[in-house]
Amino acid sequence: MADTLFRVSFLSQGKIYEVYARKVTQDFLFGFVTLEELVFGAHSDLVVDPSEERLKSEFAGVDRSHVPLHALIRIDEVAQQGVARITSLDGNVTPFPGPFYHNPGSGPGRR
């Protein structure tokens, strides 16, 4: 289980973030997913990817990150780490319309 690695894609600040994490769990905060043990540096130290370096500095000192469910695009369990990156939103990804949470005690016919 120690070798488990997840590629997580989510929307943040109008861009698509793709990061790698060792742990992805349901959050204690309702409507969030927790990302822990983010992994950077799949590339050689001789080649520097500016996007990955930006992510690395953005998440420096972060123990865990809480991502809202409605911002998630996908979570993949992968065998090998790729390069973490930030890409611009080209209009081909639409956020899920929200809110999608349902309170079973509310709605028509309930008082």
PDB file of N, CA and C in Angstrom:
ATOM      1  N   MET A   1       0.814  -1.193   0.000  1.00  0.00           N
ATOM      2  CA  MET A   1       0.000   0.000   0.000  1.00  0.00           C
ATOM      3  C   MET A   1       0.864   1.266   0.000  1.00  0.00           C
ATOM      4  N   ALA A   2       2.110   1.153   0.469  1.00  0.00           N
ATOM      5  CA  ALA A   2       3.003   2.315   0.529  1.00  0.00           C
ATOM      6  C   ALA A   2       3.354   2.829  -0.864  1.00  0.00           C
ATOM      7  N   ASP A   3       3.256   1.978  -1.872  1.00  0.00           N
ATOM      8  CA  ASP A   3       3.583   2.390  -3.227  1.00  0.00           C
ATOM      9  C   ASP A   3       2.385   2.931  -3.989  1.00  0.00           C
ATOM     10  N   THR A   4       1.219   2.989  -3.339  1.00  0.00           N
ATOM     11  CA  THR A   4       0.025   3.505  -4.002  1.00  0.00           C
ATOM     12  C   THR A   4       0.231   4.969  -4.353  1.00  0.00           C
ATOM     13  N   LEU A   5      -0.129   5.318  -5.578  1.00  0.00           N
ATOM     14  CA  LEU A   5       0.039   6.679  -6.058  1.00  0.00           C
ATOM     15  C   LEU A   5      -1.199   7.084  -6.847  1.00  0.00           C
ATOM     16  N   PHE A   6      -1.687   8.282  -6.588  1.00  0.00           N
ATOM     17  CA  PHE A   6      -2.871   8.787  -7.264  1.00  0.00           C
ATOM     18  C   PHE A   6      -2.532  10.041  -8.056  1.00  0.00           C
ATOM     19  N   ARG A   7      -3.096  10.135  -9.265  1.00  0.00           N
ATOM     20  CA  ARG A   7      -3.026  11.365 -10.056  1.00  0.00           C
ATOM     21  C   ARG A   7      -4.393  12.026  -9.885  1.00  0.00           C
ATOM     22  N   VAL A   8      -4.386  13.247  -9.370  1.00  0.00           N
ATOM     23  CA  VAL A   8      -5.625  13.955  -9.081  1.00  0.00           C
ATOM     24  C   VAL A   8      -5.687  15.216  -9.928  1.00  0.00           C
ATOM     25  N   SER A   9      -6.780  15.360 -10.682  1.00  0.00           N
ATOM     26  CA  SER A   9      -7.002  16.556 -11.491  1.00  0.00           C
ATOM     27  C   SER A   9      -8.183  17.314 -10.906  1.00  0.00           C
ATOM     28  N   PHE A  10      -7.977  18.623 -10.707  1.00  0.00           N
ATOM     29  CA  PHE A  10      -9.056  19.445 -10.166  1.00  0.00           C
ATOM     30  C   PHE A  10      -8.933  20.873 -10.670  1.00  0.00           C
ATOM     31  N   LEU A  11     -10.045  21.591 -10.609  1.00  0.00           N
ATOM     32  CA  LEU A  11     -10.082  22.989 -11.027  1.00  0.00           C
ATOM     33  C   LEU A  11      -9.738  23.884  -9.847  1.00  0.00           C
ATOM     34  N   SER A  12      -8.889  24.876 -10.093  1.00  0.00           N
ATOM     35  CA  SER A  12      -8.549  25.858  -9.068  1.00  0.00           C
ATOM     36  C   SER A  12      -8.130  27.146  -9.754  1.00  0.00           C
ATOM     37  N   GLN A  13      -8.733  28.232  -9.363  1.00  0.00           N
ATOM     38  CA  GLN A  13      -8.379  29.556  -9.868  1.00  0.00           C
ATOM     39  C   GLN A  13      -8.419  29.620 -11.404  1.00  0.00           C
ATOM     40  N   GLY A  14      -9.400  28.955 -12.005  1.00  0.00           N
ATOM     41  CA  GLY A  14      -9.572  28.996 -13.451  1.00  0.00           C
ATOM     42  C   GLY A  14      -8.588  28.149 -14.235  1.00  0.00           C
ATOM     43  N   LYS A  15      -7.852  27.287 -13.550  1.00  0.00           N
ATOM     44  CA  LYS A  15      -6.886  26.416 -14.218  1.00  0.00           C
ATOM     45  C   LYS A  15      -7.079  24.978 -13.757  1.00  0.00           C
ATOM     46  N   ILE A  16      -6.519  24.046 -14.526  1.00  0.00           N
ATOM     47  CA  ILE A  16      -6.571  22.632 -14.162  1.00  0.00           C
ATOM     48  C   ILE A  16      -5.253  22.272 -13.485  1.00  0.00           C
ATOM     49  N   TYR A  17      -5.363  21.817 -12.254  1.00  0.00           N
ATOM     50  CA  TYR A  17      -4.205  21.361 -11.497  1.00  0.00           C
ATOM     51  C   TYR A  17      -4.156  19.842 -11.587  1.00  0.00           C
ATOM     52  N   GLU A  18      -2.996  19.294 -11.889  1.00  0.00           N
ATOM     53  CA  GLU A  18      -2.794  17.848 -11.899  1.00  0.00           C
ATOM     54  C   GLU A  18      -1.626  17.553 -10.966  1.00  0.00           C
ATOM     55  N   VAL A  19      -1.930  16.878  -9.857  1.00  0.00           N
ATOM     56  CA  VAL A  19      -0.910  16.589  -8.851  1.00  0.00           C
ATOM     57  C   VAL A  19      -0.905  15.093  -8.553  1.00  0.00           C
ATOM     58  N   TYR A  20       0.174  14.650  -7.925  1.00  0.00           N
ATOM     59  CA  TYR A  20       0.320  13.258  -7.517  1.00  0.00           C
ATOM     60  C   TYR A  20       0.370  13.207  -5.996  1.00  0.00           C
ATOM     61  N   ALA A  21      -0.407  12.271  -5.433  1.00  0.00           N
ATOM     62  CA  ALA A  21      -0.486  12.151  -3.977  1.00  0.00           C
ATOM     63  C   ALA A  21      -0.450  10.682  -3.575  1.00  0.00           C
ATOM     64  N   ARG A  22       0.142  10.416  -2.426  1.00  0.00           N
ATOM     65  CA  ARG A  22       0.189   9.053  -1.887  1.00  0.00           C
ATOM     66  C   ARG A  22      -1.122   8.678  -1.199  1.00  0.00           C
ATOM     67  N   LYS A  23      -1.818   9.672  -0.648  1.00  0.00           N
ATOM     68  CA  LYS A  23      -3.075   9.405   0.053  1.00  0.00           C
ATOM     69  C   LYS A  23      -4.171  10.335  -0.440  1.00  0.00           C
ATOM     70  N   VAL A  24      -5.319   9.754  -0.779  1.00  0.00           N
ATOM     71  CA  VAL A  24      -6.509  10.506  -1.142  1.00  0.00           C
ATOM     72  C   VAL A  24      -7.661   9.889  -0.355  1.00  0.00           C
ATOM     73  N   THR A  25      -8.284  10.702   0.491  1.00  0.00           N
ATOM     74  CA  THR A  25      -9.345  10.177   1.358  1.00  0.00           C
ATOM     75  C   THR A  25     -10.535  11.122   1.395  1.00  0.00           C
ATOM     76  N   GLN A  26     -11.669  10.564   1.829  1.00  0.00           N
ATOM     77  CA  GLN A  26     -12.840  11.383   2.065  1.00  0.00           C
ATOM     78  C   GLN A  26     -12.525  12.288   3.243  1.00  0.00           C
ATOM     79  N   ASP A  27     -12.832  13.539   3.124  1.00  0.00           N
ATOM     80  CA  ASP A  27     -12.461  14.520   4.133  1.00  0.00           C
ATOM     81  C   ASP A  27     -13.434  14.525   5.296  1.00  0.00           C
ATOM     82  N   PHE A  28     -12.966  15.011   6.440  1.00  0.00           N
ATOM     83  CA  PHE A  28     -13.850  15.206   7.586  1.00  0.00           C
ATOM     84  C   PHE A  28     -14.714  16.439   7.374  1.00  0.00           C
ATOM     85  N   LEU A  29     -14.311  17.322   6.446  1.00  0.00           N
ATOM     86  CA  LEU A  29     -15.120  18.465   6.069  1.00  0.00           C
ATOM     87  C   LEU A  29     -16.107  18.010   4.998  1.00  0.00           C
ATOM     88  N   PHE A  30     -17.383  18.220   5.208  1.00  0.00           N
ATOM     89  CA  PHE A  30     -18.393  17.755   4.265  1.00  0.00           C
ATOM     90  C   PHE A  30     -18.171  18.380   2.884  1.00  0.00           C
ATOM     91  N   GLY A  31     -18.144  17.521   1.853  1.00  0.00           N
ATOM     92  CA  GLY A  31     -18.011  17.989   0.482  1.00  0.00           C
ATOM     93  C   GLY A  31     -16.584  18.200   0.016  1.00  0.00           C
ATOM     94  N   PHE A  32     -15.617  17.669   0.746  1.00  0.00           N
ATOM     95  CA  PHE A  32     -14.212  17.827   0.377  1.00  0.00           C
ATOM     96  C   PHE A  32     -13.506  16.475   0.334  1.00  0.00           C
ATOM     97  N   VAL A  33     -12.396  16.424  -0.414  1.00  0.00           N
ATOM     98  CA  VAL A  33     -11.508  15.268  -0.469  1.00  0.00           C
ATOM     99  C   VAL A  33     -10.150  15.752   0.029  1.00  0.00           C
ATOM    100  N   THR A  34      -9.475  14.917   0.825  1.00  0.00           N
ATOM    101  CA  THR A  34      -8.157  15.273   1.366  1.00  0.00           C
ATOM    102  C   THR A  34      -7.055  14.660   0.516  1.00  0.00           C
ATOM    103  N   LEU A  35      -6.080  15.481   0.148  1.00  0.00           N
ATOM    104  CA  LEU A  35      -4.876  15.018  -0.547  1.00  0.00           C
ATOM    105  C   LEU A  35      -3.718  15.143   0.431  1.00  0.00           C
ATOM    106  N   GLU A  36      -2.990  14.046   0.621  1.00  0.00           N
ATOM    107  CA  GLU A  36      -1.838  14.062   1.519  1.00  0.00           C
ATOM    108  C   GLU A  36      -0.624  13.474   0.820  1.00  0.00           C
ATOM    109  N   GLU A  37       0.535  13.842   1.313  1.00  0.00           N
ATOM    110  CA  GLU A  37       1.812  13.362   0.799  1.00  0.00           C
ATOM    111  C   GLU A  37       1.932  13.603  -0.708  1.00  0.00           C
ATOM    112  N   LEU A  38       1.840  14.878  -1.082  1.00  0.00           N
ATOM    113  CA  LEU A  38       2.006  15.239  -2.491  1.00  0.00           C
ATOM    114  C   LEU A  38       3.419  14.907  -2.928  1.00  0.00           C
ATOM    115  N   VAL A  39       3.549  14.424  -4.167  1.00  0.00           N
ATOM    116  CA  VAL A  39       4.832  13.966  -4.690  1.00  0.00           C
ATOM    117  C   VAL A  39       5.217  14.829  -5.891  1.00  0.00           C
ATOM    118  N   PHE A  40       6.419  15.345  -5.869  1.00  0.00           N
ATOM    119  CA  PHE A  40       6.954  16.149  -6.965  1.00  0.00           C
ATOM    120  C   PHE A  40       8.317  15.600  -7.350  1.00  0.00           C
ATOM    121  N   GLY A  41       8.783  15.953  -8.554  1.00  0.00           N
ATOM    122  CA  GLY A  41      10.150  15.628  -8.932  1.00  0.00           C
ATOM    123  C   GLY A  41      10.324  14.352  -9.722  1.00  0.00           C
ATOM    124  N   ALA A  42       9.382  14.020 -10.606  1.00  0.00           N
ATOM    125  CA  ALA A  42       9.520  12.827 -11.435  1.00  0.00           C
ATOM    126  C   ALA A  42      10.571  13.033 -12.526  1.00  0.00           C
ATOM    127  N   HIS A  43      10.905  14.288 -12.793  1.00  0.00           N
ATOM    128  CA  HIS A  43      11.866  14.594 -13.851  1.00  0.00           C
ATOM    129  C   HIS A  43      13.287  14.634 -13.296  1.00  0.00           C
ATOM    130  N   SER A  44      14.224  14.667 -14.171  1.00  0.00           N
ATOM    131  CA  SER A  44      15.634  14.788 -13.784  1.00  0.00           C
ATOM    132  C   SER A  44      15.879  16.169 -13.180  1.00  0.00           C
ATOM    133  N   ASP A  45      16.845  16.265 -12.288  1.00  0.00           N
ATOM    134  CA  ASP A  45      17.186  17.553 -11.701  1.00  0.00           C
ATOM    135  C   ASP A  45      17.810  18.494 -12.732  1.00  0.00           C
ATOM    136  N   LEU A  46      18.231  17.962 -13.862  1.00  0.00           N
ATOM    137  CA  LEU A  46      18.826  18.801 -14.901  1.00  0.00           C
ATOM    138  C   LEU A  46      17.767  19.524 -15.718  1.00  0.00           C
ATOM    139  N   VAL A  47      16.575  18.941 -15.782  1.00  0.00           N
ATOM    140  CA  VAL A  47      15.483  19.548 -16.541  1.00  0.00           C
ATOM    141  C   VAL A  47      14.459  20.080 -15.550  1.00  0.00           C
ATOM    142  N   VAL A  48      14.177  21.361 -15.624  1.00  0.00           N
ATOM    143  CA  VAL A  48      13.238  21.974 -14.694  1.00  0.00           C
ATOM    144  C   VAL A  48      11.972  22.349 -15.446  1.00  0.00           C
ATOM    145  N   ASP A  49      10.838  21.842 -14.967  1.00  0.00           N
ATOM    146  CA  ASP A  49       9.539  22.172 -15.547  1.00  0.00           C
ATOM    147  C   ASP A  49       8.962  23.333 -14.737  1.00  0.00           C
ATOM    148  N   PRO A  50       8.776  24.506 -15.352  1.00  0.00           N
ATOM    149  CA  PRO A  50       8.295  25.672 -14.605  1.00  0.00           C
ATOM    150  C   PRO A  50       6.929  25.446 -13.956  1.00  0.00           C
ATOM    151  N   SER A  51       6.051  24.701 -14.609  1.00  0.00           N
ATOM    152  CA  SER A  51       4.724  24.434 -14.057  1.00  0.00           C
ATOM    153  C   SER A  51       4.827  23.602 -12.792  1.00  0.00           C
ATOM    154  N   GLU A  52       5.677  22.573 -12.823  1.00  0.00           N
ATOM    155  CA  GLU A  52       5.845  21.730 -11.645  1.00  0.00           C
ATOM    156  C   GLU A  52       6.533  22.510 -10.523  1.00  0.00           C
ATOM    157  N   GLU A  53       7.483  23.351 -10.874  1.00  0.00           N
ATOM    158  CA  GLU A  53       8.163  24.160  -9.863  1.00  0.00           C
ATOM    159  C   GLU A  53       7.184  25.121  -9.199  1.00  0.00           C
ATOM    160  N   ARG A  54       6.250  25.661  -9.982  1.00  0.00           N
ATOM    161  CA  ARG A  54       5.232  26.560  -9.420  1.00  0.00           C
ATOM    162  C   ARG A  54       4.349  25.803  -8.432  1.00  0.00           C
ATOM    163  N   LEU A  55       3.933  24.587  -8.815  1.00  0.00           N
ATOM    164  CA  LEU A  55       3.126  23.758  -7.916  1.00  0.00           C
ATOM    165  C   LEU A  55       3.903  23.400  -6.656  1.00  0.00           C
ATOM    166  N   LYS A  56       5.149  23.042  -6.843  1.00  0.00           N
ATOM    167  CA  LYS A  56       5.997  22.663  -5.714  1.00  0.00           C
ATOM    168  C   LYS A  56       6.095  23.811  -4.706  1.00  0.00           C
ATOM    169  N   SER A  57       6.289  25.024  -5.199  1.00  0.00           N
ATOM    170  CA  SER A  57       6.376  26.171  -4.294  1.00  0.00           C
ATOM    171  C   SER A  57       5.015  26.534  -3.717  1.00  0.00           C
ATOM    172  N   GLU A  58       3.948  26.368  -4.491  1.00  0.00           N
ATOM    173  CA  GLU A  58       2.598  26.671  -3.999  1.00  0.00           C
ATOM    174  C   GLU A  58       2.198  25.739  -2.851  1.00  0.00           C
ATOM    175  N   PHE A  59       2.602  24.471  -2.937  1.00  0.00           N
ATOM    176  CA  PHE A  59       2.238  23.491  -1.918  1.00  0.00           C
ATOM    177  C   PHE A  59       3.350  23.248  -0.889  1.00  0.00           C
ATOM    178  N   ALA A  60       4.415  24.054  -0.927  1.00  0.00           N
ATOM    179  CA  ALA A  60       5.499  23.920   0.051  1.00  0.00           C
ATOM    180  C   ALA A  60       4.954  24.169   1.453  1.00  0.00           C
ATOM    181  N   GLY A  61       5.260  23.275   2.364  1.00  0.00           N
ATOM    182  CA  GLY A  61       4.816  23.417   3.739  1.00  0.00           C
ATOM    183  C   GLY A  61       3.383  22.980   3.994  1.00  0.00           C
ATOM    184  N   VAL A  62       2.693  22.477   2.973  1.00  0.00           N
ATOM    185  CA  VAL A  62       1.302  22.027   3.125  1.00  0.00           C
ATOM    186  C   VAL A  62       1.302  20.556   3.528  1.00  0.00           C
ATOM    187  N   ASP A  63       0.700  20.253   4.675  1.00  0.00           N
ATOM    188  CA  ASP A  63       0.608  18.862   5.125  1.00  0.00           C
ATOM    189  C   ASP A  63      -0.498  18.113   4.394  1.00  0.00           C
ATOM    190  N   ARG A  64      -1.633  18.777   4.260  1.00  0.00           N
ATOM    191  CA  ARG A  64      -2.744  18.174   3.521  1.00  0.00           C
ATOM    192  C   ARG A  64      -3.536  19.275   2.852  1.00  0.00           C
ATOM    193  N   SER A  65      -4.122  18.933   1.735  1.00  0.00           N
ATOM    194  CA  SER A  65      -4.912  19.898   0.985  1.00  0.00           C
ATOM    195  C   SER A  65      -6.341  19.375   0.898  1.00  0.00           C
ATOM    196  N   HIS A  66      -7.296  20.268   1.091  1.00  0.00           N
ATOM    197  CA  HIS A  66      -8.712  19.901   1.053  1.00  0.00           C
ATOM    198  C   HIS A  66      -9.301  20.456  -0.242  1.00  0.00           C
ATOM    199  N   VAL A  67      -9.721  19.562  -1.137  1.00  0.00           N
ATOM    200  CA  VAL A  67     -10.243  19.952  -2.445  1.00  0.00           C
ATOM    201  C   VAL A  67     -11.752  19.734  -2.453  1.00  0.00           C
ATOM    202  N   PRO A  68     -12.531  20.748  -2.842  1.00  0.00           N
ATOM    203  CA  PRO A  68     -13.987  20.570  -2.898  1.00  0.00           C
ATOM    204  C   PRO A  68     -14.374  19.523  -3.946  1.00  0.00           C
ATOM    205  N   LEU A  69     -15.366  18.714  -3.614  1.00  0.00           N
ATOM    206  CA  LEU A  69     -15.815  17.661  -4.544  1.00  0.00           C
ATOM    207  C   LEU A  69     -16.195  18.233  -5.907  1.00  0.00           C
ATOM    208  N   HIS A  70     -16.846  19.382  -5.919  1.00  0.00           N
ATOM    209  CA  HIS A  70     -17.298  19.939  -7.199  1.00  0.00           C
ATOM    210  C   HIS A  70     -16.132  20.429  -8.071  1.00  0.00           C
ATOM    211  N   ALA A  71     -14.924  20.550  -7.502  1.00  0.00           N
ATOM    212  CA  ALA A  71     -13.755  20.972  -8.282  1.00  0.00           C
ATOM    213  C   ALA A  71     -12.998  19.788  -8.881  1.00  0.00           C
ATOM    214  N   LEU A  72     -13.266  18.585  -8.390  1.00  0.00           N
ATOM    215  CA  LEU A  72     -12.554  17.396  -8.890  1.00  0.00           C
ATOM    216  C   LEU A  72     -12.958  17.073 -10.322  1.00  0.00           C
ATOM    217  N   ILE A  73     -11.968  16.746 -11.122  1.00  0.00           N
ATOM    218  CA  ILE A  73     -12.223  16.279 -12.486  1.00  0.00           C
ATOM    219  C   ILE A  73     -12.111  14.759 -12.510  1.00  0.00           C
ATOM    220  N   ARG A  74     -11.009  14.247 -11.947  1.00  0.00           N
ATOM    221  CA  ARG A  74     -10.835  12.795 -11.859  1.00  0.00           C
ATOM    222  C   ARG A  74      -9.716  12.450 -10.896  1.00  0.00           C
ATOM    223  N   ILE A  75      -9.784  11.213 -10.395  1.00  0.00           N
ATOM    224  CA  ILE A  75      -8.745  10.661  -9.536  1.00  0.00           C
ATOM    225  C   ILE A  75      -8.379   9.307 -10.132  1.00  0.00           C
ATOM    226  N   ASP A  76      -7.110   9.129 -10.484  1.00  0.00           N
ATOM    227  CA  ASP A  76      -6.635   7.883 -11.068  1.00  0.00           C
ATOM    228  C   ASP A  76      -5.574   7.266 -10.176  1.00  0.00           C
ATOM    229  N   GLU A  77      -5.670   5.967  -9.934  1.00  0.00           N
ATOM    230  CA  GLU A  77      -4.574   5.262  -9.271  1.00  0.00           C
ATOM    231  C   GLU A  77      -3.613   4.865 -10.375  1.00  0.00           C
ATOM    232  N   VAL A  78      -2.343   5.277 -10.255  1.00  0.00           N
ATOM    233  CA  VAL A  78      -1.374   5.071 -11.329  1.00  0.00           C
ATOM    234  C   VAL A  78      -0.183   4.255 -10.833  1.00  0.00           C
ATOM    235  N   ALA A  79       0.495   3.626 -11.775  1.00  0.00           N
ATOM    236  CA  ALA A  79       1.666   2.819 -11.444  1.00  0.00           C
ATOM    237  C   ALA A  79       2.934   3.659 -11.391  1.00  0.00           C
ATOM    238  N   GLN A  80       2.988   4.716 -12.227  1.00  0.00           N
ATOM    239  CA  GLN A  80       4.177   5.558 -12.277  1.00  0.00           C
ATOM    240  C   GLN A  80       3.802   7.017 -12.163  1.00  0.00           C
ATOM    241  N   GLN A  81       4.690   7.760 -11.568  1.00  0.00           N
ATOM    242  CA  GLN A  81       4.483   9.193 -11.417  1.00  0.00           C
ATOM    243  C   GLN A  81       4.837   9.913 -12.708  1.00  0.00           C
ATOM    244  N   GLY A  82       4.030  10.887 -13.048  1.00  0.00           N
ATOM    245  CA  GLY A  82       4.324  11.766 -14.164  1.00  0.00           C
ATOM    246  C   GLY A  82       4.700  13.131 -13.625  1.00  0.00           C
ATOM    247  N   VAL A  83       4.610  14.128 -14.460  1.00  0.00           N
ATOM    248  CA  VAL A  83       4.963  15.484 -14.059  1.00  0.00           C
ATOM    249  C   VAL A  83       3.709  16.210 -13.585  1.00  0.00           C
ATOM    250  N   ALA A  84       3.761  16.751 -12.379  1.00  0.00           N
ATOM    251  CA  ALA A  84       2.661  17.575 -11.883  1.00  0.00           C
ATOM    252  C   ALA A  84       2.631  18.846 -12.714  1.00  0.00           C
ATOM    253  N   ARG A  85       1.415  19.352 -12.983  1.00  0.00           N
ATOM    254  CA  ARG A  85       1.351  20.532 -13.850  1.00  0.00           C
ATOM    255  C   ARG A  85       0.080  21.335 -13.625  1.00  0.00           C
ATOM    256  N   ILE A  86       0.141  22.551 -14.123  1.00  0.00           N
ATOM    257  CA  ILE A  86      -1.014  23.433 -14.157  1.00  0.00           C
ATOM    258  C   ILE A  86      -1.241  23.761 -15.621  1.00  0.00           C
ATOM    259  N   THR A  87      -2.463  23.554 -16.106  1.00  0.00           N
ATOM    260  CA  THR A  87      -2.776  23.887 -17.488  1.00  0.00           C
ATOM    261  C   THR A  87      -3.977  24.821 -17.517  1.00  0.00           C
ATOM    262  N   SER A  88      -4.074  25.581 -18.581  1.00  0.00           N
ATOM    263  CA  SER A  88      -5.194  26.499 -18.690  1.00  0.00           C
ATOM    264  C   SER A  88      -6.453  25.737 -19.073  1.00  0.00           C
ATOM    265  N   LEU A  89      -7.565  26.272 -18.662  1.00  0.00           N
ATOM    266  CA  LEU A  89      -8.865  25.680 -18.933  1.00  0.00           C
ATOM    267  C   LEU A  89      -9.262  26.074 -20.346  1.00  0.00           C
ATOM    268  N   ASP A  90      -9.280  25.105 -21.263  1.00  0.00           N
ATOM    269  CA  ASP A  90      -9.545  25.391 -22.667  1.00  0.00           C
ATOM    270  C   ASP A  90     -11.023  25.388 -23.017  1.00  0.00           C
ATOM    271  N   GLY A  91     -11.876  25.291 -22.039  1.00  0.00           N
ATOM    272  CA  GLY A  91     -13.303  25.272 -22.323  1.00  0.00           C
ATOM    273  C   GLY A  91     -13.840  23.875 -22.546  1.00  0.00           C
ATOM    274  N   ASN A  92     -12.975  22.856 -22.500  1.00  0.00           N
ATOM    275  CA  ASN A  92     -13.440  21.491 -22.708  1.00  0.00           C
ATOM    276  C   ASN A  92     -13.792  20.805 -21.395  1.00  0.00           C
ATOM    277  N   VAL A  93     -13.591  21.483 -20.270  1.00  0.00           N
ATOM    278  CA  VAL A  93     -13.950  20.939 -18.965  1.00  0.00           C
ATOM    279  C   VAL A  93     -14.931  21.900 -18.322  1.00  0.00           C
ATOM    280  N   THR A  94     -16.104  21.394 -17.975  1.00  0.00           N
ATOM    281  CA  THR A  94     -17.120  22.215 -17.342  1.00  0.00           C
ATOM    282  C   THR A  94     -17.321  21.748 -15.917  1.00  0.00           C
ATOM    283  N   PRO A  95     -17.270  22.660 -14.952  1.00  0.00           N
ATOM    284  CA  PRO A  95     -17.519  22.252 -13.573  1.00  0.00           C
ATOM    285  C   PRO A  95     -18.903  21.637 -13.425  1.00  0.00           C
ATOM    286  N   PHE A  96     -19.010  20.652 -12.557  1.00  0.00           N
ATOM    287  CA  PHE A  96     -20.286  20.011 -12.293  1.00  0.00           C
ATOM    288  C   PHE A  96     -21.233  21.036 -11.697  1.00  0.00           C
ATOM    289  N   PRO A  97     -22.464  21.128 -12.220  1.00  0.00           N
ATOM    290  CA  PRO A  97     -23.394  22.110 -11.667  1.00  0.00           C
ATOM    291  C   PRO A  97     -23.723  21.773 -10.218  1.00  0.00           C
ATOM    292  N   GLY A  98     -23.732  22.730  -9.395  1.00  0.00           N
ATOM    293  CA  GLY A  98     -23.975  22.458  -7.982  1.00  0.00           C
ATOM    294  C   GLY A  98     -25.124  23.302  -7.478  1.00  0.00           C
ATOM    295  N   PRO A  99     -25.549  23.204  -6.305  1.00  0.00           N
ATOM    296  CA  PRO A  99     -25.065  22.186  -5.381  1.00  0.00           C
ATOM    297  C   PRO A  99     -25.675  20.828  -5.695  1.00  0.00           C
ATOM    298  N   PHE A 100     -24.911  19.787  -5.451  1.00  0.00           N
ATOM    299  CA  PHE A 100     -25.435  18.450  -5.730  1.00  0.00           C
ATOM    300  C   PHE A 100     -25.622  17.632  -4.470  1.00  0.00           C
ATOM    301  N   TYR A 101     -25.522  18.284  -3.319  1.00  0.00           N
ATOM    302  CA  TYR A 101     -25.738  17.599  -2.057  1.00  0.00           C
ATOM    303  C   TYR A 101     -27.223  17.592  -1.748  1.00  0.00           C
ATOM    304  N   HIS A 102     -27.698  16.500  -1.215  1.00  0.00           N
ATOM    305  CA  HIS A 102     -29.125  16.380  -0.922  1.00  0.00           C
ATOM    306  C   HIS A 102     -29.311  16.121   0.561  1.00  0.00           C
ATOM    307  N   ASN A 103     -30.163  16.909   1.166  1.00  0.00           N
ATOM    308  CA  ASN A 103     -30.523  16.705   2.563  1.00  0.00           C
ATOM    309  C   ASN A 103     -31.785  15.866   2.566  1.00  0.00           C
ATOM    310  N   PRO A 104     -31.709  14.613   3.006  1.00  0.00           N
ATOM    311  CA  PRO A 104     -32.880  13.724   2.952  1.00  0.00           C
ATOM    312  C   PRO A 104     -34.060  14.236   3.777  1.00  0.00           C
ATOM    313  N   GLY A 105     -33.831  15.151   4.712  1.00  0.00           N
ATOM    314  CA  GLY A 105     -34.920  15.663   5.541  1.00  0.00           C
ATOM    315  C   GLY A 105     -35.641  16.844   4.915  1.00  0.00           C
ATOM    316  N   SER A 106     -35.248  17.250   3.706  1.00  0.00           N
ATOM    317  CA  SER A 106     -35.897  18.405   3.077  1.00  0.00           C
ATOM    318  C   SER A 106     -36.506  17.988   1.752  1.00  0.00           C
ATOM    319  N   GLY A 107     -37.200  18.883   1.156  1.00  0.00           N
ATOM    320  CA  GLY A 107     -37.782  18.629  -0.149  1.00  0.00           C
ATOM    321  C   GLY A 107     -39.290  18.610  -0.110  1.00  0.00           C
ATOM    322  N   PRO A 108     -39.919  18.378  -1.267  1.00  0.00           N
ATOM    323  CA  PRO A 108     -41.375  18.383  -1.336  1.00  0.00           C
ATOM    324  C   PRO A 108     -41.986  17.323  -0.412  1.00  0.00           C
ATOM    325  N   GLY A 109     -43.055  17.721   0.242  1.00  0.00           N
ATOM    326  CA  GLY A 109     -43.768  16.779   1.090  1.00  0.00           C
ATOM    327  C   GLY A 109     -43.165  16.635   2.477  1.00  0.00           C
ATOM    328  N   ARG A 110     -42.060  17.304   2.771  1.00  0.00           N
ATOM    329  CA  ARG A 110     -41.429  17.225   4.085  1.00  0.00           C
ATOM    330  C   ARG A 110     -41.675  18.520   4.846  1.00  0.00           C
ATOM    331  N   ARG A 111     -41.912  18.395   6.117  1.00  0.00           N
ATOM    332  CA  ARG A 111     -42.119  19.597   6.940  1.00  0.00           C
ATOM    333  C   ARG A 111     -41.197  19.590   8.097  1.00  0.00           C
TER     334      ARG A 111
END
